[in-house]
Amino acid sequence: MANQCGTCRFGEAPKTSVLDLNCRTHDVDNLYVVDSSFFPSNASVSPALTIIANALRVGDHLIERYH
């Protein structure tokens, strides 16, 4: 299984990243990306647990934002 990484890098500056630190796109207010594409590069181990942990973190952010 391959995990595509680095396709939607996250960061603070829209000029150097697609996503903000909560994995929301800089250009579309209600679009979040919570797969492995936010990683800057691929590691030698499966990123599954980190993807799950990040999705839970982003989910908590969404609950606070929309509740």
PDB file of N, CA and C in Angstrom:
ATOM      1  N   MET A   1       0.835  -1.172   0.000  1.00  0.00           N
ATOM      2  CA  MET A   1       0.000   0.000   0.000  1.00  0.00           C
ATOM      3  C   MET A   1       0.879   1.233   0.000  1.00  0.00           C
ATOM      4  N   ALA A   2       0.532   2.211  -0.809  1.00  0.00           N
ATOM      5  CA  ALA A   2       1.292   3.450  -0.888  1.00  0.00           C
ATOM      6  C   ALA A   2       0.464   4.598  -0.332  1.00  0.00           C
ATOM      7  N   ASN A   3       1.116   5.494   0.352  1.00  0.00           N
ATOM      8  CA  ASN A   3       0.461   6.688   0.877  1.00  0.00           C
ATOM      9  C   ASN A   3       1.078   7.907   0.211  1.00  0.00           C
ATOM     10  N   GLN A   4       0.253   8.665  -0.498  1.00  0.00           N
ATOM     11  CA  GLN A   4       0.744   9.877  -1.148  1.00  0.00           C
ATOM     12  C   GLN A   4       0.921  10.964  -0.099  1.00  0.00           C
ATOM     13  N   CYS A   5       2.107  11.508  -0.021  1.00  0.00           N
ATOM     14  CA  CYS A   5       2.407  12.545   0.960  1.00  0.00           C
ATOM     15  C   CYS A   5       2.963  13.776   0.254  1.00  0.00           C
ATOM     16  N   GLY A   6       2.765  14.923   0.851  1.00  0.00           N
ATOM     17  CA  GLY A   6       3.335  16.147   0.332  1.00  0.00           C
ATOM     18  C   GLY A   6       2.534  16.833  -0.753  1.00  0.00           C
ATOM     19  N   THR A   7       1.334  16.351  -1.048  1.00  0.00           N
ATOM     20  CA  THR A   7       0.548  16.962  -2.125  1.00  0.00           C
ATOM     21  C   THR A   7      -0.274  18.152  -1.647  1.00  0.00           C
ATOM     22  N   CYS A   8      -0.553  18.230  -0.344  1.00  0.00           N
ATOM     23  CA  CYS A   8      -1.292  19.364   0.236  1.00  0.00           C
ATOM     24  C   CYS A   8      -0.601  19.790   1.530  1.00  0.00           C
ATOM     25  N   ARG A   9       0.620  20.203   1.408  1.00  0.00           N
ATOM     26  CA  ARG A   9       1.418  20.556   2.588  1.00  0.00           C
ATOM     27  C   ARG A   9       0.696  21.583   3.459  1.00  0.00           C
ATOM     28  N   PHE A  10       0.856  21.459   4.790  1.00  0.00           N
ATOM     29  CA  PHE A  10       0.200  22.421   5.668  1.00  0.00           C
ATOM     30  C   PHE A  10       1.228  23.339   6.313  1.00  0.00           C
ATOM     31  N   GLY A  11       0.774  24.532   6.668  1.00  0.00           N
ATOM     32  CA  GLY A  11       1.638  25.537   7.269  1.00  0.00           C
ATOM     33  C   GLY A  11       0.881  26.824   7.495  1.00  0.00           C
ATOM     34  N   GLU A  12       1.587  27.843   7.947  1.00  0.00           N
ATOM     35  CA  GLU A  12       0.937  29.110   8.272  1.00  0.00           C
ATOM     36  C   GLU A  12       0.792  30.035   7.073  1.00  0.00           C
ATOM     37  N   ALA A  13       1.673  29.940   6.102  1.00  0.00           N
ATOM     38  CA  ALA A  13       1.684  30.887   4.986  1.00  0.00           C
ATOM     39  C   ALA A  13       1.029  30.294   3.740  1.00  0.00           C
ATOM     40  N   PRO A  14       0.024  30.956   3.188  1.00  0.00           N
ATOM     41  CA  PRO A  14      -0.612  30.466   1.957  1.00  0.00           C
ATOM     42  C   PRO A  14       0.345  30.371   0.768  1.00  0.00           C
ATOM     43  N   LYS A  15       1.397  31.153   0.773  1.00  0.00           N
ATOM     44  CA  LYS A  15       2.349  31.098  -0.345  1.00  0.00           C
ATOM     45  C   LYS A  15       3.190  29.830  -0.346  1.00  0.00           C
ATOM     46  N   THR A  16       3.342  29.191   0.822  1.00  0.00           N
ATOM     47  CA  THR A  16       4.179  27.990   0.913  1.00  0.00           C
ATOM     48  C   THR A  16       3.413  26.744   1.322  1.00  0.00           C
ATOM     49  N   SER A  17       2.088  26.860   1.497  1.00  0.00           N
ATOM     50  CA  SER A  17       1.303  25.699   1.920  1.00  0.00           C
ATOM     51  C   SER A  17      -0.115  25.799   1.366  1.00  0.00           C
ATOM     52  N   VAL A  18      -0.744  24.656   1.245  1.00  0.00           N
ATOM     53  CA  VAL A  18      -2.127  24.588   0.771  1.00  0.00           C
ATOM     54  C   VAL A  18      -3.099  24.654   1.946  1.00  0.00           C
ATOM     55  N   LEU A  19      -2.699  24.076   3.074  1.00  0.00           N
ATOM     56  CA  LEU A  19      -3.565  23.966   4.248  1.00  0.00           C
ATOM     57  C   LEU A  19      -3.038  24.804   5.398  1.00  0.00           C
ATOM     58  N   ASP A  20      -3.944  25.273   6.277  1.00  0.00           N
ATOM     59  CA  ASP A  20      -3.499  25.932   7.495  1.00  0.00           C
ATOM     60  C   ASP A  20      -3.170  24.866   8.543  1.00  0.00           C
ATOM     61  N   LEU A  21      -2.843  25.274   9.753  1.00  0.00           N
ATOM     62  CA  LEU A  21      -2.412  24.314  10.774  1.00  0.00           C
ATOM     63  C   LEU A  21      -3.534  23.392  11.259  1.00  0.00           C
ATOM     64  N   ASN A  22      -4.774  23.710  10.920  1.00  0.00           N
ATOM     65  CA  ASN A  22      -5.901  22.824  11.229  1.00  0.00           C
ATOM     66  C   ASN A  22      -6.328  22.017  10.018  1.00  0.00           C
ATOM     67  N   CYS A  23      -5.475  21.957   9.002  1.00  0.00           N
ATOM     68  CA  CYS A  23      -5.706  21.192   7.775  1.00  0.00           C
ATOM     69  C   CYS A  23      -6.884  21.706   6.963  1.00  0.00           C
ATOM     70  N   ARG A  24      -7.220  22.984   7.124  1.00  0.00           N
ATOM     71  CA  ARG A  24      -8.246  23.638   6.310  1.00  0.00           C
ATOM     72  C   ARG A  24      -7.543  24.370   5.177  1.00  0.00           C
ATOM     73  N   THR A  25      -8.101  24.299   3.988  1.00  0.00           N
ATOM     74  CA  THR A  25      -7.463  24.991   2.868  1.00  0.00           C
ATOM     75  C   THR A  25      -7.480  26.496   3.106  1.00  0.00           C
ATOM     76  N   HIS A  26      -6.427  27.149   2.645  1.00  0.00           N
ATOM     77  CA  HIS A  26      -6.343  28.598   2.798  1.00  0.00           C
ATOM     78  C   HIS A  26      -7.402  29.307   1.954  1.00  0.00           C
ATOM     79  N   ASP A  27      -7.808  28.706   0.846  1.00  0.00           N
ATOM     80  CA  ASP A  27      -8.700  29.381  -0.105  1.00  0.00           C
ATOM     81  C   ASP A  27     -10.173  29.026   0.039  1.00  0.00           C
ATOM     82  N   VAL A  28     -10.496  27.860   0.604  1.00  0.00           N
ATOM     83  CA  VAL A  28     -11.894  27.435   0.735  1.00  0.00           C
ATOM     84  C   VAL A  28     -12.184  27.227   2.219  1.00  0.00           C
ATOM     85  N   ASP A  29     -13.093  28.017   2.756  1.00  0.00           N
ATOM     86  CA  ASP A  29     -13.316  28.047   4.203  1.00  0.00           C
ATOM     87  C   ASP A  29     -13.795  26.723   4.793  1.00  0.00           C
ATOM     88  N   ASN A  30     -14.565  25.939   4.064  1.00  0.00           N
ATOM     89  CA  ASN A  30     -15.128  24.713   4.643  1.00  0.00           C
ATOM     90  C   ASN A  30     -14.552  23.437   4.024  1.00  0.00           C
ATOM     91  N   LEU A  31     -13.322  23.493   3.531  1.00  0.00           N
ATOM     92  CA  LEU A  31     -12.669  22.313   2.955  1.00  0.00           C
ATOM     93  C   LEU A  31     -11.468  21.926   3.807  1.00  0.00           C
ATOM     94  N   TYR A  32     -11.530  20.736   4.377  1.00  0.00           N
ATOM     95  CA  TYR A  32     -10.454  20.204   5.216  1.00  0.00           C
ATOM     96  C   TYR A  32      -9.888  18.955   4.555  1.00  0.00           C
ATOM     97  N   VAL A  33      -8.590  18.725   4.704  1.00  0.00           N
ATOM     98  CA  VAL A  33      -7.921  17.550   4.150  1.00  0.00           C
ATOM     99  C   VAL A  33      -7.269  16.815   5.321  1.00  0.00           C
ATOM    100  N   VAL A  34      -7.719  15.587   5.586  1.00  0.00           N
ATOM    101  CA  VAL A  34      -7.201  14.860   6.748  1.00  0.00           C
ATOM    102  C   VAL A  34      -6.596  13.513   6.375  1.00  0.00           C
ATOM    103  N   ASP A  35      -6.112  13.390   5.144  1.00  0.00           N
ATOM    104  CA  ASP A  35      -5.410  12.166   4.769  1.00  0.00           C
ATOM    105  C   ASP A  35      -3.903  12.400   4.882  1.00  0.00           C
ATOM    106  N   SER A  36      -3.104  11.558   4.289  1.00  0.00           N
ATOM    107  CA  SER A  36      -1.652  11.663   4.433  1.00  0.00           C
ATOM    108  C   SER A  36      -1.028  12.760   3.582  1.00  0.00           C
ATOM    109  N   SER A  37      -1.801  13.438   2.769  1.00  0.00           N
ATOM    110  CA  SER A  37      -1.221  14.446   1.887  1.00  0.00           C
ATOM    111  C   SER A  37      -0.699  15.667   2.634  1.00  0.00           C
ATOM    112  N   PHE A  38      -1.090  15.883   3.887  1.00  0.00           N
ATOM    113  CA  PHE A  38      -0.591  17.037   4.624  1.00  0.00           C
ATOM    114  C   PHE A  38       0.848  16.850   5.118  1.00  0.00           C
ATOM    115  N   PHE A  39       1.333  15.606   5.129  1.00  0.00           N
ATOM    116  CA  PHE A  39       2.732  15.366   5.515  1.00  0.00           C
ATOM    117  C   PHE A  39       3.667  15.988   4.484  1.00  0.00           C
ATOM    118  N   PRO A  40       4.781  16.572   4.916  1.00  0.00           N
ATOM    119  CA  PRO A  40       5.718  17.124   3.939  1.00  0.00           C
ATOM    120  C   PRO A  40       6.446  16.055   3.125  1.00  0.00           C
ATOM    121  N   SER A  41       6.615  14.867   3.700  1.00  0.00           N
ATOM    122  CA  SER A  41       7.271  13.770   2.977  1.00  0.00           C
ATOM    123  C   SER A  41       6.825  12.441   3.577  1.00  0.00           C
ATOM    124  N   ASN A  42       7.174  11.352   2.908  1.00  0.00           N
ATOM    125  CA  ASN A  42       6.791  10.021   3.349  1.00  0.00           C
ATOM    126  C   ASN A  42       7.884   9.418   4.227  1.00  0.00           C
ATOM    127  N   ALA A  43       7.490   8.805   5.329  1.00  0.00           N
ATOM    128  CA  ALA A  43       8.438   8.141   6.222  1.00  0.00           C
ATOM    129  C   ALA A  43       8.601   6.683   5.808  1.00  0.00           C
ATOM    130  N   SER A  44       9.481   5.988   6.472  1.00  0.00           N
ATOM    131  CA  SER A  44       9.720   4.583   6.133  1.00  0.00           C
ATOM    132  C   SER A  44       8.742   3.644   6.836  1.00  0.00           C
ATOM    133  N   VAL A  45       7.853   4.196   7.643  1.00  0.00           N
ATOM    134  CA  VAL A  45       6.838   3.391   8.333  1.00  0.00           C
ATOM    135  C   VAL A  45       5.447   3.874   7.924  1.00  0.00           C
ATOM    136  N   SER A  46       4.459   3.047   8.163  1.00  0.00           N
ATOM    137  CA  SER A  46       3.082   3.403   7.815  1.00  0.00           C
ATOM    138  C   SER A  46       2.620   4.612   8.621  1.00  0.00           C
ATOM    139  N   PRO A  47       2.025   5.604   7.962  1.00  0.00           N
ATOM    140  CA  PRO A  47       1.546   6.795   8.678  1.00  0.00           C
ATOM    141  C   PRO A  47       0.125   6.650   9.224  1.00  0.00           C
ATOM    142  N   ALA A  48      -0.425   5.453   9.219  1.00  0.00           N
ATOM    143  CA  ALA A  48      -1.836   5.249   9.564  1.00  0.00           C
ATOM    144  C   ALA A  48      -2.202   5.821  10.935  1.00  0.00           C
ATOM    145  N   LEU A  49      -1.413   5.546  11.964  1.00  0.00           N
ATOM    146  CA  LEU A  49      -1.762   6.033  13.304  1.00  0.00           C
ATOM    147  C   LEU A  49      -1.674   7.547  13.391  1.00  0.00           C
ATOM    148  N   THR A  50      -0.716   8.141  12.713  1.00  0.00           N
ATOM    149  CA  THR A  50      -0.593   9.595  12.704  1.00  0.00           C
ATOM    150  C   THR A  50      -1.756  10.226  11.940  1.00  0.00           C
ATOM    151  N   ILE A  51      -2.173   9.597  10.849  1.00  0.00           N
ATOM    152  CA  ILE A  51      -3.332  10.092  10.096  1.00  0.00           C
ATOM    153  C   ILE A  51      -4.580  10.040  10.980  1.00  0.00           C
ATOM    154  N   ILE A  52      -4.765   8.963  11.698  1.00  0.00           N
ATOM    155  CA  ILE A  52      -5.915   8.826  12.592  1.00  0.00           C
ATOM    156  C   ILE A  52      -5.873   9.882  13.691  1.00  0.00           C
ATOM    157  N   ALA A  53      -4.706  10.051  14.313  1.00  0.00           N
ATOM    158  CA  ALA A  53      -4.568  11.042  15.384  1.00  0.00           C
ATOM    159  C   ALA A  53      -4.846  12.452  14.858  1.00  0.00           C
ATOM    160  N   ASN A  54      -4.350  12.763  13.676  1.00  0.00           N
ATOM    161  CA  ASN A  54      -4.590  14.089  13.106  1.00  0.00           C
ATOM    162  C   ASN A  54      -6.068  14.270  12.760  1.00  0.00           C
ATOM    163  N   ALA A  55      -6.712  13.247  12.233  1.00  0.00           N
ATOM    164  CA  ALA A  55      -8.135  13.342  11.915  1.00  0.00           C
ATOM    165  C   ALA A  55      -8.956  13.589  13.180  1.00  0.00           C
ATOM    166  N   LEU A  56      -8.589  12.952  14.279  1.00  0.00           N
ATOM    167  CA  LEU A  56      -9.274  13.189  15.546  1.00  0.00           C
ATOM    168  C   LEU A  56      -9.052  14.624  16.028  1.00  0.00           C
ATOM    169  N   ARG A  57      -7.822  15.125  15.864  1.00  0.00           N
ATOM    170  CA  ARG A  57      -7.498  16.508  16.248  1.00  0.00           C
ATOM    171  C   ARG A  57      -8.311  17.500  15.423  1.00  0.00           C
ATOM    172  N   VAL A  58      -8.365  17.284  14.121  1.00  0.00           N
ATOM    173  CA  VAL A  58      -9.139  18.163  13.243  1.00  0.00           C
ATOM    174  C   VAL A  58     -10.630  18.045  13.560  1.00  0.00           C
ATOM    175  N   GLY A  59     -11.090  16.841  13.873  1.00  0.00           N
ATOM    176  CA  GLY A  59     -12.486  16.656  14.272  1.00  0.00           C
ATOM    177  C   GLY A  59     -12.835  17.457  15.515  1.00  0.00           C
ATOM    178  N   ASP A  60     -11.947  17.456  16.499  1.00  0.00           N
ATOM    179  CA  ASP A  60     -12.166  18.273  17.701  1.00  0.00           C
ATOM    180  C   ASP A  60     -12.232  19.755  17.347  1.00  0.00           C
ATOM    181  N   HIS A  61     -11.361  20.188  16.449  1.00  0.00           N
ATOM    182  CA  HIS A  61     -11.386  21.584  15.985  1.00  0.00           C
ATOM    183  C   HIS A  61     -12.729  21.906  15.329  1.00  0.00           C
ATOM    184  N   LEU A  62     -13.236  20.994  14.498  1.00  0.00           N
ATOM    185  CA  LEU A  62     -14.515  21.224  13.818  1.00  0.00           C
ATOM    186  C   LEU A  62     -15.674  21.291  14.805  1.00  0.00           C
ATOM    187  N   ILE A  63     -15.645  20.434  15.803  1.00  0.00           N
ATOM    188  CA  ILE A  63     -16.696  20.470  16.834  1.00  0.00           C
ATOM    189  C   ILE A  63     -16.702  21.828  17.524  1.00  0.00           C
ATOM    190  N   GLU A  64     -15.512  22.329  17.877  1.00  0.00           N
ATOM    191  CA  GLU A  64     -15.432  23.641  18.533  1.00  0.00           C
ATOM    192  C   GLU A  64     -15.848  24.758  17.585  1.00  0.00           C
ATOM    193  N   ARG A  65     -15.488  24.649  16.329  1.00  0.00           N
ATOM    194  CA  ARG A  65     -15.790  25.710  15.359  1.00  0.00           C
ATOM    195  C   ARG A  65     -17.276  25.795  15.055  1.00  0.00           C
ATOM    196  N   TYR A  66     -17.942  24.663  14.901  1.00  0.00           N
ATOM    197  CA  TYR A  66     -19.331  24.662  14.453  1.00  0.00           C
ATOM    198  C   TYR A  66     -20.350  24.381  15.536  1.00  0.00           C
ATOM    199  N   HIS A  67     -19.930  24.193  16.739  1.00  0.00           N
ATOM    200  CA  HIS A  67     -20.883  23.883  17.808  1.00  0.00           C
ATOM    201  C   HIS A  67     -21.295  25.102  18.585  1.00  0.00           C
TER     202      HIS A  67
END
